[in-house]
Amino acid sequence: MKANPNSHATKHQKSKLKILFKKKIKIWKIAKAQHMCVLAKVDAFSFWKKYQPRAPIVDKITIAMFLKGFHKLVG
């Protein structure tokens, strides 16, 4: 395939690989949905923890602002 990337065989193999990836992703999504349904019935807290994970902590203060505030506190 490396010798002639534009050959018919190469294009056919790429097409088959793309179809395979789509099938695998679909199967994975179905399995994940089934797992989440079972989890919702068995352990609702864990289900909601996975379904709506907590938002990541975002620093809204810069280091300079933090140091300035710290210096005001300490003196």
Protein backbone atom coordinates (compact mmCIF):
# COMPACT_ATOMS: atom_id res chain seq x y z
CA MET A 1 0.00 0.00 0.00
CA LYS A 2 2.89 2.35 0.64
CA ALA A 3 4.22 1.80 -2.88
CA ASN A 4 1.09 3.16 -4.57
CA PRO A 5 -1.28 5.03 -2.23
CA ASN A 6 -3.69 5.84 -5.09
CA SER A 7 -4.24 2.27 -6.23
CA HIS A 8 -7.66 0.64 -6.27
CA ALA A 9 -6.62 -1.95 -3.67
CA THR A 10 -5.45 0.74 -1.27
CA LYS A 11 -8.65 2.73 -1.63
CA HIS A 12 -10.71 -0.44 -1.12
CA GLN A 13 -8.80 -1.36 2.05
CA LYS A 14 -9.19 2.17 3.43
CA SER A 15 -12.91 2.00 2.72
CA LYS A 16 -13.21 -1.35 4.50
CA LEU A 17 -11.25 0.00 7.47
CA LYS A 18 -13.52 3.05 7.73
CA ILE A 19 -16.61 0.82 7.68
CA LEU A 20 -15.07 -1.41 10.36
CA PHE A 21 -14.34 1.61 12.58
CA LYS A 22 -17.92 2.84 12.22
CA LYS A 23 -19.27 -0.59 13.20
CA LYS A 24 -16.96 -0.84 16.21
CA ILE A 25 -17.91 2.66 17.40
CA LYS A 26 -21.61 1.82 17.05
CA ILE A 27 -21.17 -1.42 19.02
CA TRP A 28 -19.19 0.44 21.70
CA LYS A 29 -21.89 3.11 22.04
CA ILE A 30 -24.61 0.46 22.36
CA ALA A 31 -22.62 -1.41 25.01
CA LYS A 32 -22.01 1.80 26.94
CA ALA A 33 -25.72 2.69 26.81
CA GLN A 34 -26.66 -0.78 28.08
CA HIS A 35 -24.12 -0.46 30.89
CA MET A 36 -25.53 2.93 31.88
CA CYS A 37 -29.10 1.53 31.93
CA VAL A 38 -28.05 -1.29 34.24
CA LEU A 39 -26.11 1.14 36.41
CA ALA A 40 -29.14 3.43 36.68
CA LYS A 41 -31.23 0.53 38.01
CA VAL A 42 -28.58 -0.78 40.40
CA ASP A 43 -26.77 2.34 41.67
CA ALA A 44 -28.38 5.67 40.81
CA PHE A 45 -25.65 7.76 42.46
CA SER A 46 -22.90 6.19 40.35
CA PHE A 47 -25.05 6.56 37.26
CA TRP A 48 -25.49 10.30 37.77
CA LYS A 49 -21.82 10.67 38.62
CA LYS A 50 -20.89 9.12 35.26
CA TYR A 51 -23.73 10.78 33.33
CA GLN A 52 -23.04 14.29 34.60
CA PRO A 53 -19.45 14.43 35.76
CA ARG A 54 -18.45 17.41 37.84
CA ALA A 55 -17.11 20.38 35.93
CA PRO A 56 -13.33 20.69 35.99
CA ILE A 57 -11.90 23.26 38.37
CA VAL A 58 -10.91 26.37 36.46
CA ASP A 59 -8.62 28.95 37.99
CA LYS A 60 -10.24 32.34 37.51
CA ILE A 61 -7.43 34.12 39.29
CA THR A 62 -3.96 34.68 37.93
CA ILE A 63 -0.80 34.06 39.92
CA ALA A 64 -0.09 37.80 40.07
CA MET A 65 -3.54 38.50 41.52
CA PHE A 66 -3.10 35.69 44.04
CA LEU A 67 0.29 36.99 45.19
CA LYS A 68 -1.04 40.54 45.46
CA GLY A 69 -3.92 39.38 47.66
CA PHE A 70 -1.62 37.20 49.72
CA HIS A 71 0.77 40.10 50.33
CA LYS A 72 -2.17 42.24 51.50
CA LEU A 73 -3.16 39.54 54.00
CA VAL A 74 0.33 38.91 55.33
CA GLY A 75 1.50 42.50 55.29
